[in-house]
């Protein structure tokens, strides 16, 4: 009798873990809640003023670098990469959770058969 009770607890627990993970994923991917922030962009505050460039090459190099940063910023916003990484990490976590919960439910089913 104890095996049956433990079996049912494991089956119900495994199914609830799978449903809970899928529900959280649905909430995250429909943008109702934010994804867990594993990766963050650190805002770099520059306290010191940059020294003036000494040569024309340095001035041209800085202007080219600034122009490239502006163009890349228009094409790919800065938070896109971190959002993609956070969603990827969440997907991997839910995949592992689903596999583990499925295994737990399988153990519960095996206990119910005995």
Protein backbone atom coordinates (compact mmCIF):
# COMPACT_ATOMS: atom_id res chain seq x y z
CA UNK A 1 0.00 0.00 0.00
CA UNK A 2 2.87 2.40 0.79
CA UNK A 3 4.36 1.78 -2.67
CA UNK A 4 1.08 2.80 -4.28
CA UNK A 5 0.92 6.04 -2.30
CA UNK A 6 4.54 6.89 -3.09
CA UNK A 7 3.92 5.97 -6.73
CA UNK A 8 0.93 8.33 -6.99
CA UNK A 9 2.88 11.10 -5.27
CA UNK A 10 5.74 10.70 -7.75
CA UNK A 11 3.39 10.60 -10.77
CA UNK A 12 1.47 13.68 -9.63
CA UNK A 13 4.69 15.51 -8.69
CA UNK A 14 6.28 14.73 -12.06
CA UNK A 15 3.23 15.85 -14.02
CA UNK A 16 2.92 19.05 -11.94
CA UNK A 17 6.60 19.86 -12.52
CA UNK A 18 6.18 19.41 -16.28
CA UNK A 19 2.98 21.48 -16.39
CA UNK A 20 4.51 24.18 -14.17
CA UNK A 21 7.60 24.48 -16.36
CA UNK A 22 5.53 24.65 -19.52
CA UNK A 23 3.19 27.24 -17.98
CA UNK A 24 6.16 29.42 -16.96
CA UNK A 25 7.59 29.07 -20.49
CA UNK A 26 4.27 30.12 -21.98
CA UNK A 27 4.18 33.16 -19.68
CA UNK A 28 7.75 34.11 -20.62
CA UNK A 29 7.42 33.63 -24.37
CA UNK A 30 4.14 35.57 -24.53
CA UNK A 31 5.93 38.38 -22.64
CA UNK A 32 3.59 38.33 -19.65
CA UNK A 33 6.53 37.89 -17.26
CA UNK A 34 10.23 38.57 -17.91
CA UNK A 35 12.71 35.76 -18.39
CA UNK A 36 15.10 35.16 -15.49
CA UNK A 37 18.00 37.59 -15.93
CA UNK A 38 21.07 35.38 -16.01
CA UNK A 39 22.96 37.63 -18.39
CA UNK A 40 22.88 41.39 -17.86
CA UNK A 41 24.37 44.37 -19.66
CA UNK A 42 26.50 46.38 -17.32
CA UNK A 43 26.15 50.10 -17.83
CA UNK A 44 29.63 51.49 -18.04
CA UNK A 45 29.83 54.94 -16.64
CA UNK A 46 32.84 56.85 -17.71
CA UNK A 47 34.00 59.12 -14.91
CA UNK A 48 37.15 60.37 -16.53
CA UNK A 49 37.06 62.59 -19.58
CA UNK A 50 38.84 61.12 -22.59
CA UNK A 51 42.06 62.82 -23.55
CA UNK A 52 42.06 64.67 -26.83
CA UNK A 53 43.59 62.67 -29.68
CA UNK A 54 47.00 63.87 -30.74
CA UNK A 55 47.09 62.95 -34.39
CA UNK A 56 44.75 62.94 -37.36
CA UNK A 57 44.90 59.13 -37.46
CA UNK A 58 43.55 58.92 -33.92
CA UNK A 59 40.75 61.37 -34.74
CA UNK A 60 39.77 59.39 -37.86
CA UNK A 61 39.93 56.13 -35.94
CA UNK A 62 37.61 57.45 -33.23
CA UNK A 63 35.14 58.83 -35.77
CA UNK A 64 35.02 55.53 -37.66
CA UNK A 65 34.54 53.61 -34.43
CA UNK A 66 31.72 55.93 -33.35
CA UNK A 67 30.03 55.64 -36.76
CA UNK A 68 30.21 51.83 -36.66
CA UNK A 69 28.76 51.72 -33.15
CA UNK A 70 25.85 53.93 -34.19
CA UNK A 71 25.09 51.80 -37.26
CA UNK A 72 25.33 48.52 -35.35
CA UNK A 73 23.09 49.98 -32.65
CA UNK A 74 20.42 50.67 -35.26
CA UNK A 75 20.64 47.16 -36.73
CA UNK A 76 20.92 45.18 -33.49
CA UNK A 77 19.76 46.82 -30.25
CA UNK A 78 22.05 46.25 -27.28
CA UNK A 79 19.60 44.22 -25.22
CA UNK A 80 18.73 41.76 -28.01
CA UNK A 81 21.71 39.50 -27.41
CA UNK A 82 21.16 39.31 -23.65
CA UNK A 83 17.44 38.57 -24.14
CA UNK A 84 18.32 35.80 -26.58
CA UNK A 85 20.87 34.32 -24.16
CA UNK A 86 18.40 34.49 -21.27
CA UNK A 87 15.68 32.78 -23.32
CA UNK A 88 18.14 30.10 -24.42
CA UNK A 89 19.18 29.43 -20.83
CA UNK A 90 15.55 29.25 -19.76
CA UNK A 91 14.76 26.81 -22.58
CA UNK A 92 17.66 24.57 -21.59
CA UNK A 93 16.55 24.65 -17.94
CA UNK A 94 12.94 23.75 -18.80
CA UNK A 95 14.16 20.96 -21.07
CA UNK A 96 16.20 19.46 -18.22
CA UNK A 97 13.27 19.98 -15.82
CA UNK A 98 10.89 18.20 -18.20
CA UNK A 99 13.24 15.26 -18.65
CA UNK A 100 13.79 14.93 -14.90
CA UNK A 101 10.07 15.23 -14.11
CA UNK A 102 9.28 12.64 -16.77
CA UNK A 103 11.77 10.28 -15.17
CA UNK A 104 10.21 10.86 -11.74
CA UNK A 105 6.74 10.17 -13.15
CA UNK A 106 8.06 6.99 -14.80
CA UNK A 107 9.43 5.79 -11.46
CA UNK A 108 6.01 6.48 -9.93
CA UNK A 109 4.29 4.50 -12.69
CA UNK A 110 6.67 1.60 -12.12
CA UNK A 111 5.84 1.66 -8.41
CA UNK A 112 2.14 1.56 -9.23
CA UNK A 113 2.63 -1.55 -11.41
CA UNK A 114 4.27 -3.50 -8.59
